[in-house]
Every structure is written in structure tokens, then in C-alpha cells.
Amino acid sequence: MSRLTSLLTALLTLLLVACSPALTPPPAMVEEPVEVPVEEAFPITITDALGNDVTLQSQPTRIVSLTLGTDEILLDLVGPQRLIGVTYLAADPATSNIADRPELAQIPNALDTSPEPIIALEPDLVLVASFTDPAVVDQLEAAGVPVFVVGSFTSIQAMQENILTLGELVGEAERAREMVEAMNDRLAAVEAAVSQAEGQPPRVLYLASGGWVAGSATTVDDIIVHAGGINAAAEAGLVDWNQVNEEAIIEMRPDVVVLSTYVTDEEFLANPAFANLDAVQNGQVIAISDAHMSATSQYIVQGVEDLAAFLYPDLFPSE
């Protein structure tokens, strides 16, 4: 009888376990998370910088970039595997922030805007700038190549919007958000450091070769402001890029002058007209990498960090 009792007890226990609702996991615990393949986001239609609706039927995998800014964005956004061509400028360390990236060598084609070689590559997406020759765009579109025009290079926020738009376009929206968040984290760190500075912010003038200065509504203006300075050209009422004479530069009274790397000594430091400027007298003249100062990608943050470190060396001790 004891063996029979043990057997009945075991069977009863199994039945109770099987039937007990308290031991049954709720639906949320047993359902697997649903992973939506990126292809399900396509077809997709996005309006480009010229107001044209561009439709992609599937995720692009043969992408051609015809601007340096999109070269830099896409290398981080999709990697070299989906890029079949970037601009020849991408390999120039004077202007490119990805020239030393080993992945660049994996991209098979360095291109200019000649349409025939691009068409021959059979791309499923070509990215151009708003200033790209319209005849080139027309020829690409006539060949059935999807062309997307990226625009607005006038502020850091505009570049972030470009990154997010491109993320949607190529099916990498989450990665694009991560890139923008990383930019904002670095900008916030600069802002936090600069907020500790005492006294008036320095007036900063960015000078390119030939007397060209950057006023308001330029990315350089945004760099100066985010770095904790006042744009002397914008303060003087200049908007966009302007070519000015020596007298106008002197009247701006810059505390700091940032020179494009293409400005020669004869144009500025050896020019007696500028000898009495406070920036010259106080040794506050610097050449910052054009790749950073002229970036139209996530790398513009490096320009902010470079300039902030020069304006406030005590707040950004060198490592």
C-alpha cells in the first residue's frame, strides 16, 4: 500500500502543478520580442532639401555619396560595406575627417560629380548637395538613379537634422539618433565647462584666405557661439560669408583670430596693418584644422572642442 500511496501522491502533485494558474507565466513573460526587419520600413518616401519626394522601394545597399559631409556621415552610419563610392575629397586630410580611417580603403570608388562613371556603378541611391550642378542631377535621374539632395549646412542643428533624415533614408534611424545624441553629449560637456568662465566672452573672428570672414547664419558662427565666444563678424552685422578689407577687420577689434589653414603669414601675421590688433599683441591667433572648422557632419563638434580649448585653456587642460 505504501508504494501505491506514493505513486498516487506523485500523480496528484503533477496534476496540481499542471493545472495551477499561479504557476503559469503571464503572456508578457512568455512572448518573444518582435524584431521587425529593416526591410519592412520600405518602401519609404522622404522629401529632400529641394522639396522633391524621393521614394526607395528597398533599403539601399549600393550608395554613392557626392559630398564630403555625407561621406563622413555615412561612413559612421552604414559603414563601408554599403558605400560603393565617396568623393575624392574624403582622402584629403586637409579637409576630411575620415582620411585616416582604415575603412575608407574598403570603399572601391573615389568620385567627382561626373555622371557617367556614377551611372555605370548602378547605385540604388546617390546623395548630392543643394549646390550640386542641376545638370548632373538631371542626368542621374534620367538614367533612373534615385537622387537625394541634402541641404542646409548653416548650423549644427541643421547638420543633426541631416543625419536623422539620412538615417531614415538608409534604414538606420536608430544609429542616426545615437550619433546625434553623442554630439549633444559632447556639446553639453563643452557648455558645462565654459559656463565656469569669468568675465566677458572673447570676440572671435574667423578669417579665410582673401579676406573672407564668417558672419551669422554660418556653421562657423555656431562653432564660435557653442565654444563660448562672440562672433566678431556677426557682431558687426555681417550675415553669411563676406569678403572684407583690412579696415573692416581692424574695426571688428577681435580678441581672438582663428585662421583658416590656407591663410599665409603675409596675409595676416606679417601684415603690418594688423600689428596693433589685440589678438596679435596678445598672441591670440590660432590656426584650427579646416577639417574640423568646415565640417558639415558630426565632426563639427570637434571644431567646437578645439576652439573652446583655445579660448579657455584653464577649463580644458591638455591631457
C-alpha atoms as a PDB file:
ATOM      1  CA  MET A   1       0.000   0.000   0.000  1.00  0.00           C
ATOM      2  CA  SER A   2       2.857   2.438   0.706  1.00  0.00           C
ATOM      3  CA  ARG A   3       4.149   2.159  -2.900  1.00  0.00           C
ATOM      4  CA  LEU A   4       0.622   2.733  -4.259  1.00  0.00           C
ATOM      5  CA  THR A   5       0.180   5.709  -1.929  1.00  0.00           C
ATOM      6  CA  SER A   6       3.494   7.202  -3.101  1.00  0.00           C
ATOM      7  CA  LEU A   7       2.516   6.765  -6.750  1.00  0.00           C
ATOM      8  CA  LEU A   8      -0.874   8.403  -6.223  1.00  0.00           C
ATOM      9  CA  THR A   9       0.755  11.281  -4.354  1.00  0.00           C
ATOM     10  CA  ALA A  10       3.230  11.881  -7.187  1.00  0.00           C
ATOM     11  CA  LEU A  11       0.456  11.859  -9.813  1.00  0.00           C
ATOM     12  CA  LEU A  12      -1.636  14.264  -7.760  1.00  0.00           C
ATOM     13  CA  THR A  13       1.318  16.636  -7.404  1.00  0.00           C
ATOM     14  CA  LEU A  14       1.916  16.647 -11.172  1.00  0.00           C
ATOM     15  CA  LEU A  15      -1.760  17.389 -11.825  1.00  0.00           C
ATOM     16  CA  LEU A  16      -1.762  20.251  -9.355  1.00  0.00           C
ATOM     17  CA  VAL A  17       1.361  21.772 -10.892  1.00  0.00           C
ATOM     18  CA  ALA A  18      -0.025  21.424 -14.400  1.00  0.00           C
ATOM     19  CA  CYS A  19      -3.386  22.938 -13.544  1.00  0.00           C
ATOM     20  CA  SER A  20      -2.348  25.627 -11.125  1.00  0.00           C
ATOM     21  CA  PRO A  21      -2.818  29.113 -12.705  1.00  0.00           C
ATOM     22  CA  ALA A  22      -0.360  30.612 -10.237  1.00  0.00           C
ATOM     23  CA  LEU A  23       2.454  28.666 -11.857  1.00  0.00           C
ATOM     24  CA  THR A  24       1.558  29.644 -15.417  1.00  0.00           C
ATOM     25  CA  PRO A  25       3.646  32.610 -16.603  1.00  0.00           C
ATOM     26  CA  PRO A  26       1.587  35.588 -17.784  1.00  0.00           C
ATOM     27  CA  PRO A  27       1.558  36.175 -21.541  1.00  0.00           C
ATOM     28  CA  ALA A  28       4.081  39.041 -21.313  1.00  0.00           C
ATOM     29  CA  MET A  29       6.649  36.670 -19.839  1.00  0.00           C
ATOM     30  CA  VAL A  30       6.364  34.018 -22.487  1.00  0.00           C
ATOM     31  CA  GLU A  31       6.013  36.133 -25.629  1.00  0.00           C
ATOM     32  CA  GLU A  32       9.192  36.673 -27.598  1.00  0.00           C
ATOM     33  CA  PRO A  33      10.019  40.312 -28.506  1.00  0.00           C
ATOM     34  CA  VAL A  34       9.078  41.007 -32.091  1.00  0.00           C
ATOM     35  CA  GLU A  35      12.029  42.010 -34.256  1.00  0.00           C
ATOM     36  CA  VAL A  36      10.929  43.934 -37.330  1.00  0.00           C
ATOM     37  CA  PRO A  37      13.376  43.509 -40.203  1.00  0.00           C
ATOM     38  CA  VAL A  38      14.661  46.837 -41.520  1.00  0.00           C
ATOM     39  CA  GLU A  39      13.282  45.984 -44.943  1.00  0.00           C
ATOM     40  CA  GLU A  40       9.754  46.361 -43.538  1.00  0.00           C
ATOM     41  CA  ALA A  41      10.390  50.116 -43.261  1.00  0.00           C
ATOM     42  CA  PHE A  42      10.465  50.211 -47.039  1.00  0.00           C
ATOM     43  CA  PRO A  43       9.215  51.438 -49.400  1.00  0.00           C
ATOM     44  CA  ILE A  44       9.851  54.864 -47.933  1.00  0.00           C
ATOM     45  CA  THR A  45       9.292  58.378 -49.281  1.00  0.00           C
ATOM     46  CA  ILE A  46      11.242  61.330 -47.898  1.00  0.00           C
ATOM     47  CA  THR A  47      11.305  64.921 -49.104  1.00  0.00           C
ATOM     48  CA  ASP A  48      14.771  66.240 -49.926  1.00  0.00           C
ATOM     49  CA  ALA A  49      16.221  69.745 -49.496  1.00  0.00           C
ATOM     50  CA  LEU A  50      14.754  70.943 -52.802  1.00  0.00           C
ATOM     51  CA  GLY A  51      11.264  69.755 -51.927  1.00  0.00           C
ATOM     52  CA  ASN A  52      11.395  66.653 -54.120  1.00  0.00           C
ATOM     53  CA  ASP A  53       9.808  63.449 -52.831  1.00  0.00           C
ATOM     54  CA  VAL A  54      12.296  60.597 -53.137  1.00  0.00           C
ATOM     55  CA  THR A  55      10.938  57.052 -52.878  1.00  0.00           C
ATOM     56  CA  LEU A  56      13.101  53.997 -52.204  1.00  0.00           C
ATOM     57  CA  GLN A  57      11.496  50.591 -52.655  1.00  0.00           C
ATOM     58  CA  SER A  58      14.057  48.784 -50.509  1.00  0.00           C
ATOM     59  CA  GLN A  59      16.964  49.512 -48.228  1.00  0.00           C
ATOM     60  CA  PRO A  60      19.813  50.949 -50.327  1.00  0.00           C
ATOM     61  CA  THR A  61      22.954  48.851 -50.401  1.00  0.00           C
ATOM     62  CA  ARG A  62      24.860  50.495 -53.275  1.00  0.00           C
ATOM     63  CA  ILE A  63      25.152  54.076 -52.069  1.00  0.00           C
ATOM     64  CA  VAL A  64      27.166  56.837 -53.724  1.00  0.00           C
ATOM     65  CA  SER A  65      27.988  59.993 -51.763  1.00  0.00           C
ATOM     66  CA  LEU A  66      28.941  63.122 -53.701  1.00  0.00           C
ATOM     67  CA  THR A  67      29.529  65.480 -50.769  1.00  0.00           C
ATOM     68  CA  LEU A  68      32.245  65.328 -48.143  1.00  0.00           C
ATOM     69  CA  GLY A  69      29.686  65.836 -45.391  1.00  0.00           C
ATOM     70  CA  THR A  70      27.669  62.799 -46.447  1.00  0.00           C
ATOM     71  CA  ASP A  71      30.905  60.828 -46.893  1.00  0.00           C
ATOM     72  CA  GLU A  72      31.647  61.422 -43.219  1.00  0.00           C
ATOM     73  CA  ILE A  73      28.094  60.817 -42.022  1.00  0.00           C
ATOM     74  CA  LEU A  74      27.568  57.627 -43.991  1.00  0.00           C
ATOM     75  CA  LEU A  75      30.855  56.002 -43.028  1.00  0.00           C
ATOM     76  CA  ASP A  76      29.637  56.063 -39.426  1.00  0.00           C
ATOM     77  CA  LEU A  77      26.006  55.428 -40.337  1.00  0.00           C
ATOM     78  CA  VAL A  78      26.254  52.423 -42.670  1.00  0.00           C
ATOM     79  CA  GLY A  79      29.948  51.523 -42.750  1.00  0.00           C
ATOM     80  CA  PRO A  80      31.956  50.871 -45.908  1.00  0.00           C
ATOM     81  CA  GLN A  81      30.029  47.760 -46.933  1.00  0.00           C
ATOM     82  CA  ARG A  82      27.091  49.688 -48.368  1.00  0.00           C
ATOM     83  CA  LEU A  83      29.126  52.524 -49.872  1.00  0.00           C
ATOM     84  CA  ILE A  84      30.317  51.947 -53.423  1.00  0.00           C
ATOM     85  CA  GLY A  85      31.615  55.476 -53.914  1.00  0.00           C
ATOM     86  CA  VAL A  86      32.535  58.637 -51.997  1.00  0.00           C
ATOM     87  CA  THR A  87      34.115  61.901 -53.077  1.00  0.00           C
ATOM     88  CA  TYR A  88      37.809  62.126 -53.821  1.00  0.00           C
ATOM     89  CA  LEU A  89      37.919  64.745 -51.036  1.00  0.00           C
ATOM     90  CA  ALA A  90      37.375  62.039 -48.435  1.00  0.00           C
ATOM     91  CA  ALA A  91      41.035  61.039 -48.712  1.00  0.00           C
ATOM     92  CA  ASP A  92      42.381  64.599 -48.278  1.00  0.00           C
ATOM     93  CA  PRO A  93      43.487  65.078 -44.648  1.00  0.00           C
ATOM     94  CA  ALA A  94      43.396  68.863 -45.023  1.00  0.00           C
ATOM     95  CA  THR A  95      39.624  68.869 -45.366  1.00  0.00           C
ATOM     96  CA  SER A  96      38.419  65.384 -44.476  1.00  0.00           C
ATOM     97  CA  ASN A  97      37.828  63.942 -41.017  1.00  0.00           C
ATOM     98  CA  ILE A  98      37.858  60.371 -42.321  1.00  0.00           C
ATOM     99  CA  ALA A  99      41.063  60.471 -44.373  1.00  0.00           C
ATOM    100  CA  ASP A 100      42.878  58.363 -41.781  1.00  0.00           C
ATOM    101  CA  ARG A 101      40.047  55.885 -41.252  1.00  0.00           C
ATOM    102  CA  PRO A 102      41.139  52.405 -42.419  1.00  0.00           C
ATOM    103  CA  GLU A 103      37.570  51.668 -43.541  1.00  0.00           C
ATOM    104  CA  LEU A 104      37.910  54.295 -46.253  1.00  0.00           C
ATOM    105  CA  ALA A 105      40.184  51.960 -48.203  1.00  0.00           C
ATOM    106  CA  GLN A 106      37.333  49.434 -48.379  1.00  0.00           C
ATOM    107  CA  ILE A 107      35.192  51.790 -50.461  1.00  0.00           C
ATOM    108  CA  PRO A 108      36.051  50.971 -54.077  1.00  0.00           C
ATOM    109  CA  ASN A 109      35.497  54.308 -55.823  1.00  0.00           C
ATOM    110  CA  ALA A 110      36.654  57.895 -55.252  1.00  0.00           C
ATOM    111  CA  LEU A 111      34.462  60.108 -57.415  1.00  0.00           C
ATOM    112  CA  ASP A 112      33.837  63.611 -58.639  1.00  0.00           C
ATOM    113  CA  THR A 113      30.431  64.656 -59.959  1.00  0.00           C
ATOM    114  CA  SER A 114      30.877  63.284 -63.494  1.00  0.00           C
ATOM    115  CA  PRO A 115      27.583  61.421 -64.020  1.00  0.00           C
ATOM    116  CA  GLU A 116      28.686  58.708 -66.459  1.00  0.00           C
ATOM    117  CA  PRO A 117      31.024  56.817 -64.079  1.00  0.00           C
ATOM    118  CA  ILE A 118      28.397  57.084 -61.350  1.00  0.00           C
ATOM    119  CA  ILE A 119      25.653  55.640 -63.548  1.00  0.00           C
ATOM    120  CA  ALA A 120      27.984  52.786 -64.543  1.00  0.00           C
ATOM    121  CA  LEU A 121      28.207  51.761 -60.869  1.00  0.00           C
ATOM    122  CA  GLU A 122      24.434  51.080 -60.835  1.00  0.00           C
ATOM    123  CA  PRO A 123      23.831  52.753 -57.462  1.00  0.00           C
ATOM    124  CA  ASP A 124      20.498  52.451 -55.708  1.00  0.00           C
ATOM    125  CA  LEU A 125      20.965  55.855 -54.033  1.00  0.00           C
ATOM    126  CA  VAL A 126      23.084  58.908 -54.816  1.00  0.00           C
ATOM    127  CA  LEU A 127      23.449  61.741 -52.330  1.00  0.00           C
ATOM    128  CA  VAL A 128      24.219  65.237 -53.600  1.00  0.00           C
ATOM    129  CA  ALA A 129      24.277  68.750 -52.146  1.00  0.00           C
ATOM    130  CA  SER A 130      21.888  71.578 -52.881  1.00  0.00           C
ATOM    131  CA  PHE A 131      24.742  73.294 -54.735  1.00  0.00           C
ATOM    132  CA  THR A 132      25.488  70.306 -56.994  1.00  0.00           C
ATOM    133  CA  ASP A 133      25.177  71.153 -60.694  1.00  0.00           C
ATOM    134  CA  PRO A 134      21.499  70.609 -61.597  1.00  0.00           C
ATOM    135  CA  ALA A 135      22.559  69.186 -64.957  1.00  0.00           C
ATOM    136  CA  VAL A 136      24.357  66.363 -63.123  1.00  0.00           C
ATOM    137  CA  VAL A 137      21.260  65.618 -61.063  1.00  0.00           C
ATOM    138  CA  ASP A 138      19.068  65.643 -64.181  1.00  0.00           C
ATOM    139  CA  GLN A 139      21.333  63.175 -65.975  1.00  0.00           C
ATOM    140  CA  LEU A 140      21.415  60.812 -62.998  1.00  0.00           C
ATOM    141  CA  GLU A 141      17.635  60.897 -62.637  1.00  0.00           C
ATOM    142  CA  ALA A 142      17.165  60.407 -66.380  1.00  0.00           C
ATOM    143  CA  ALA A 143      19.170  57.188 -66.016  1.00  0.00           C
ATOM    144  CA  GLY A 144      16.763  56.000 -63.324  1.00  0.00           C
ATOM    145  CA  VAL A 145      19.114  56.596 -60.411  1.00  0.00           C
ATOM    146  CA  PRO A 146      17.428  57.694 -57.154  1.00  0.00           C
ATOM    147  CA  VAL A 147      18.982  61.040 -56.166  1.00  0.00           C
ATOM    148  CA  PHE A 148      18.531  62.707 -52.782  1.00  0.00           C
ATOM    149  CA  VAL A 149      19.579  66.337 -52.259  1.00  0.00           C
ATOM    150  CA  VAL A 150      20.979  67.120 -48.813  1.00  0.00           C
ATOM    151  CA  GLY A 151      20.801  70.782 -47.861  1.00  0.00           C
ATOM    152  CA  SER A 152      21.111  73.337 -45.088  1.00  0.00           C
ATOM    153  CA  PHE A 153      24.681  73.464 -43.834  1.00  0.00           C
ATOM    154  CA  THR A 154      24.217  76.628 -41.768  1.00  0.00           C
ATOM    155  CA  SER A 155      24.115  75.307 -38.209  1.00  0.00           C
ATOM    156  CA  ILE A 156      24.926  72.355 -36.010  1.00  0.00           C
ATOM    157  CA  GLN A 157      21.218  71.674 -35.572  1.00  0.00           C
ATOM    158  CA  ALA A 158      20.757  71.590 -39.339  1.00  0.00           C
ATOM    159  CA  MET A 159      23.525  69.008 -39.607  1.00  0.00           C
ATOM    160  CA  GLN A 160      21.868  66.907 -36.926  1.00  0.00           C
ATOM    161  CA  GLU A 161      18.615  67.065 -38.862  1.00  0.00           C
ATOM    162  CA  ASN A 162      20.517  65.918 -41.959  1.00  0.00           C
ATOM    163  CA  ILE A 163      21.912  62.961 -40.025  1.00  0.00           C
ATOM    164  CA  LEU A 164      18.456  61.952 -38.807  1.00  0.00           C
ATOM    165  CA  THR A 165      16.995  62.289 -42.305  1.00  0.00           C
ATOM    166  CA  LEU A 166      19.752  60.179 -43.807  1.00  0.00           C
ATOM    167  CA  GLY A 167      19.216  57.623 -41.067  1.00  0.00           C
ATOM    168  CA  GLU A 168      15.600  57.207 -42.172  1.00  0.00           C
ATOM    169  CA  LEU A 169      16.575  57.156 -45.824  1.00  0.00           C
ATOM    170  CA  VAL A 170      19.059  54.291 -45.458  1.00  0.00           C
ATOM    171  CA  GLY A 171      17.141  52.349 -42.817  1.00  0.00           C
ATOM    172  CA  GLU A 172      19.438  53.240 -39.917  1.00  0.00           C
ATOM    173  CA  ALA A 173      17.228  55.587 -37.893  1.00  0.00           C
ATOM    174  CA  GLU A 174      18.351  54.267 -34.507  1.00  0.00           C
ATOM    175  CA  ARG A 175      22.033  54.580 -35.374  1.00  0.00           C
ATOM    176  CA  ALA A 176      21.406  58.160 -36.567  1.00  0.00           C
ATOM    177  CA  ARG A 177      19.768  59.021 -33.251  1.00  0.00           C
ATOM    178  CA  GLU A 178      22.760  57.604 -31.411  1.00  0.00           C
ATOM    179  CA  MET A 179      25.109  59.780 -33.472  1.00  0.00           C
ATOM    180  CA  VAL A 180      23.102  62.916 -32.704  1.00  0.00           C
ATOM    181  CA  GLU A 181      22.920  62.040 -29.007  1.00  0.00           C
ATOM    182  CA  ALA A 182      26.699  61.596 -28.927  1.00  0.00           C
ATOM    183  CA  MET A 183      27.105  65.038 -30.498  1.00  0.00           C
ATOM    184  CA  ASN A 184      24.791  66.595 -27.918  1.00  0.00           C
ATOM    185  CA  ASP A 185      26.624  64.920 -25.054  1.00  0.00           C
ATOM    186  CA  ARG A 186      29.925  66.420 -26.204  1.00  0.00           C
ATOM    187  CA  LEU A 187      28.378  69.851 -26.773  1.00  0.00           C
ATOM    188  CA  ALA A 188      26.827  69.725 -23.314  1.00  0.00           C
ATOM    189  CA  ALA A 189      30.228  68.936 -21.809  1.00  0.00           C
ATOM    190  CA  VAL A 190      31.741  71.993 -23.513  1.00  0.00           C
ATOM    191  CA  GLU A 191      28.854  74.175 -22.373  1.00  0.00           C
ATOM    192  CA  ALA A 192      29.215  72.971 -18.787  1.00  0.00           C
ATOM    193  CA  ALA A 193      32.927  73.791 -18.781  1.00  0.00           C
ATOM    194  CA  VAL A 194      32.546  77.186 -20.467  1.00  0.00           C
ATOM    195  CA  SER A 195      29.807  78.182 -18.014  1.00  0.00           C
ATOM    196  CA  GLN A 196      32.518  78.375 -15.343  1.00  0.00           C
ATOM    197  CA  ALA A 197      34.410  81.096 -17.215  1.00  0.00           C
ATOM    198  CA  GLU A 198      34.554  84.565 -15.698  1.00  0.00           C
ATOM    199  CA  GLY A 199      34.396  87.907 -17.474  1.00  0.00           C
ATOM    200  CA  GLN A 200      33.125  88.823 -20.922  1.00  0.00           C
ATOM    201  CA  PRO A 201      33.310  86.210 -23.695  1.00  0.00           C
ATOM    202  CA  PRO A 202      36.072  86.953 -26.206  1.00  0.00           C
ATOM    203  CA  ARG A 203      35.236  88.360 -29.647  1.00  0.00           C
ATOM    204  CA  VAL A 204      36.383  85.784 -32.174  1.00  0.00           C
ATOM    205  CA  LEU A 205      36.977  86.378 -35.880  1.00  0.00           C
ATOM    206  CA  TYR A 206      37.336  83.508 -38.328  1.00  0.00           C
ATOM    207  CA  LEU A 207      39.422  84.611 -41.312  1.00  0.00           C
ATOM    208  CA  ALA A 208      39.781  82.641 -44.531  1.00  0.00           C
ATOM    209  CA  SER A 209      42.112  83.394 -47.408  1.00  0.00           C
ATOM    210  CA  GLY A 210      41.335  86.501 -49.440  1.00  0.00           C
ATOM    211  CA  GLY A 211      39.703  88.380 -46.570  1.00  0.00           C
ATOM    212  CA  TRP A 212      36.651  86.175 -46.274  1.00  0.00           C
ATOM    213  CA  VAL A 213      35.013  86.162 -42.841  1.00  0.00           C
ATOM    214  CA  ALA A 214      32.120  84.140 -41.460  1.00  0.00           C
ATOM    215  CA  GLY A 215      29.150  86.148 -40.189  1.00  0.00           C
ATOM    216  CA  SER A 216      25.909  84.916 -38.689  1.00  0.00           C
ATOM    217  CA  ALA A 217      23.943  82.086 -40.324  1.00  0.00           C
ATOM    218  CA  THR A 218      27.135  80.071 -40.855  1.00  0.00           C
ATOM    219  CA  THR A 219      28.413  76.915 -39.244  1.00  0.00           C
ATOM    220  CA  VAL A 220      31.481  78.842 -38.087  1.00  0.00           C
ATOM    221  CA  ASP A 221      29.212  81.235 -36.192  1.00  0.00           C
ATOM    222  CA  ASP A 222      27.612  78.244 -34.487  1.00  0.00           C
ATOM    223  CA  ILE A 223      31.033  76.834 -33.584  1.00  0.00           C
ATOM    224  CA  ILE A 224      32.132  80.142 -32.047  1.00  0.00           C
ATOM    225  CA  VAL A 225      28.948  80.528 -30.010  1.00  0.00           C
ATOM    226  CA  HIS A 226      28.981  76.926 -28.746  1.00  0.00           C
ATOM    227  CA  ALA A 227      32.654  77.353 -27.805  1.00  0.00           C
ATOM    228  CA  GLY A 228      31.775  80.298 -25.574  1.00  0.00           C
ATOM    229  CA  GLY A 229      32.808  83.175 -27.831  1.00  0.00           C
ATOM    230  CA  ILE A 230      31.181  86.082 -29.629  1.00  0.00           C
ATOM    231  CA  ASN A 231      31.450  86.088 -33.400  1.00  0.00           C
ATOM    232  CA  ALA A 232      33.058  89.452 -34.177  1.00  0.00           C
ATOM    233  CA  ALA A 233      31.813  89.392 -37.776  1.00  0.00           C
ATOM    234  CA  ALA A 234      28.237  88.681 -36.703  1.00  0.00           C
ATOM    235  CA  GLU A 235      28.517  91.396 -34.052  1.00  0.00           C
ATOM    236  CA  ALA A 236      29.468  93.768 -36.860  1.00  0.00           C
ATOM    237  CA  GLY A 237      26.201  92.903 -38.622  1.00  0.00           C
ATOM    238  CA  LEU A 238      27.604  90.568 -41.274  1.00  0.00           C
ATOM    239  CA  VAL A 239      25.436  87.673 -42.406  1.00  0.00           C
ATOM    240  CA  ASP A 240      26.792  84.605 -44.189  1.00  0.00           C
ATOM    241  CA  TRP A 241      30.270  84.775 -45.732  1.00  0.00           C
ATOM    242  CA  ASN A 242      31.608  88.214 -46.663  1.00  0.00           C
ATOM    243  CA  GLN A 243      34.828  89.431 -48.224  1.00  0.00           C
ATOM    244  CA  VAL A 244      36.082  92.412 -46.250  1.00  0.00           C
ATOM    245  CA  ASN A 245      39.070  94.747 -46.376  1.00  0.00           C
ATOM    246  CA  GLU A 246      41.764  95.318 -43.773  1.00  0.00           C
ATOM    247  CA  GLU A 247      39.994  98.351 -42.311  1.00  0.00           C
ATOM    248  CA  ALA A 248      36.825  96.348 -41.650  1.00  0.00           C
ATOM    249  CA  ILE A 249      38.817  93.647 -39.843  1.00  0.00           C
ATOM    250  CA  ILE A 250      40.506  96.257 -37.665  1.00  0.00           C
ATOM    251  CA  GLU A 251      37.128  97.836 -36.829  1.00  0.00           C
ATOM    252  CA  MET A 252      35.848  94.465 -35.590  1.00  0.00           C
ATOM    253  CA  ARG A 253      38.526  94.559 -32.820  1.00  0.00           C
ATOM    254  CA  PRO A 254      38.780  90.778 -32.427  1.00  0.00           C
ATOM    255  CA  ASP A 255      40.237  89.413 -29.202  1.00  0.00           C
ATOM    256  CA  VAL A 256      40.945  86.139 -30.967  1.00  0.00           C
ATOM    257  CA  VAL A 257      41.571  85.425 -34.645  1.00  0.00           C
ATOM    258  CA  VAL A 258      41.093  81.917 -35.999  1.00  0.00           C
ATOM    259  CA  LEU A 259      42.864  81.486 -39.308  1.00  0.00           C
ATOM    260  CA  SER A 260      41.979  79.023 -41.986  1.00  0.00           C
ATOM    261  CA  THR A 261      44.994  76.825 -42.585  1.00  0.00           C
ATOM    262  CA  TYR A 262      45.187  78.343 -46.076  1.00  0.00           C
ATOM    263  CA  VAL A 263      45.849  81.891 -44.807  1.00  0.00           C
ATOM    264  CA  THR A 264      49.522  82.795 -45.330  1.00  0.00           C
ATOM    265  CA  ASP A 265      51.633  84.788 -42.881  1.00  0.00           C
ATOM    266  CA  GLU A 266      51.820  87.583 -45.427  1.00  0.00           C
ATOM    267  CA  GLU A 267      48.049  87.844 -45.370  1.00  0.00           C
ATOM    268  CA  PHE A 268      47.807  88.233 -41.630  1.00  0.00           C
ATOM    269  CA  LEU A 269      50.616  87.804 -39.110  1.00  0.00           C
ATOM    270  CA  ALA A 270      53.235  89.534 -41.257  1.00  0.00           C
ATOM    271  CA  ASN A 271      50.799  92.197 -42.425  1.00  0.00           C
ATOM    272  CA  PRO A 272      51.687  95.472 -40.644  1.00  0.00           C
ATOM    273  CA  ALA A 273      48.054  96.610 -40.899  1.00  0.00           C
ATOM    274  CA  PHE A 274      47.120  94.065 -38.232  1.00  0.00           C
ATOM    275  CA  ALA A 275      50.118  94.539 -35.944  1.00  0.00           C
ATOM    276  CA  ASN A 276      48.176  96.533 -33.334  1.00  0.00           C
ATOM    277  CA  LEU A 277      45.177  94.227 -33.083  1.00  0.00           C
ATOM    278  CA  ASP A 278      44.671  92.914 -29.550  1.00  0.00           C
ATOM    279  CA  ALA A 279      44.600  89.375 -30.936  1.00  0.00           C
ATOM    280  CA  VAL A 280      48.066  89.846 -32.441  1.00  0.00           C
ATOM    281  CA  GLN A 281      49.503  91.755 -29.482  1.00  0.00           C
ATOM    282  CA  ASN A 282      48.284  89.118 -27.033  1.00  0.00           C
ATOM    283  CA  GLY A 283      49.232  86.073 -29.077  1.00  0.00           C
ATOM    284  CA  GLN A 284      45.613  85.070 -29.557  1.00  0.00           C
ATOM    285  CA  VAL A 285      45.908  83.929 -33.170  1.00  0.00           C
ATOM    286  CA  ILE A 286      45.396  80.265 -33.971  1.00  0.00           C
ATOM    287  CA  ALA A 287      45.002  78.030 -36.990  1.00  0.00           C
ATOM    288  CA  ILE A 288      42.434  75.294 -36.363  1.00  0.00           C
ATOM    289  CA  SER A 289      42.099  72.323 -38.699  1.00  0.00           C
ATOM    290  CA  ASP A 290      39.844  73.202 -41.611  1.00  0.00           C
ATOM    291  CA  ALA A 291      38.559  69.637 -41.461  1.00  0.00           C
ATOM    292  CA  HIS A 292      37.054  70.498 -38.081  1.00  0.00           C
ATOM    293  CA  MET A 293      36.028  74.120 -38.680  1.00  0.00           C
ATOM    294  CA  SER A 294      34.405  73.460 -42.051  1.00  0.00           C
ATOM    295  CA  ALA A 295      32.849  70.074 -41.244  1.00  0.00           C
ATOM    296  CA  THR A 296      29.264  69.559 -42.380  1.00  0.00           C
ATOM    297  CA  SER A 297      28.837  66.369 -40.398  1.00  0.00           C
ATOM    298  CA  GLN A 298      29.041  65.067 -36.836  1.00  0.00           C
ATOM    299  CA  TYR A 299      32.701  66.090 -36.835  1.00  0.00           C
ATOM    300  CA  ILE A 300      31.784  69.758 -36.432  1.00  0.00           C
ATOM    301  CA  VAL A 301      31.731  69.093 -32.690  1.00  0.00           C
ATOM    302  CA  GLN A 302      35.491  68.675 -32.866  1.00  0.00           C
ATOM    303  CA  GLY A 303      35.722  72.271 -34.114  1.00  0.00           C
ATOM    304  CA  VAL A 304      33.742  73.433 -31.060  1.00  0.00           C
ATOM    305  CA  GLU A 305      36.045  71.479 -28.751  1.00  0.00           C
ATOM    306  CA  ASP A 306      39.190  72.801 -30.472  1.00  0.00           C
ATOM    307  CA  LEU A 307      38.109  76.422 -30.190  1.00  0.00           C
ATOM    308  CA  ALA A 308      36.789  76.139 -26.628  1.00  0.00           C
ATOM    309  CA  ALA A 309      40.099  74.638 -25.518  1.00  0.00           C
ATOM    310  CA  PHE A 310      41.959  77.593 -27.052  1.00  0.00           C
ATOM    311  CA  LEU A 311      39.618  80.244 -25.618  1.00  0.00           C
ATOM    312  CA  TYR A 312      39.573  78.705 -22.146  1.00  0.00           C
ATOM    313  CA  PRO A 313      42.757  76.655 -21.682  1.00  0.00           C
ATOM    314  CA  ASP A 314      42.334  76.561 -17.885  1.00  0.00           C
ATOM    315  CA  LEU A 315      38.937  74.897 -18.282  1.00  0.00           C
ATOM    316  CA  PHE A 316      40.178  72.335 -20.810  1.00  0.00           C
ATOM    317  CA  PRO A 317      43.560  71.134 -19.521  1.00  0.00           C
ATOM    318  CA  SER A 318      45.507  69.203 -22.109  1.00  0.00           C
ATOM    319  CA  GLU A 319      45.854  65.516 -21.447  1.00  0.00           C
END
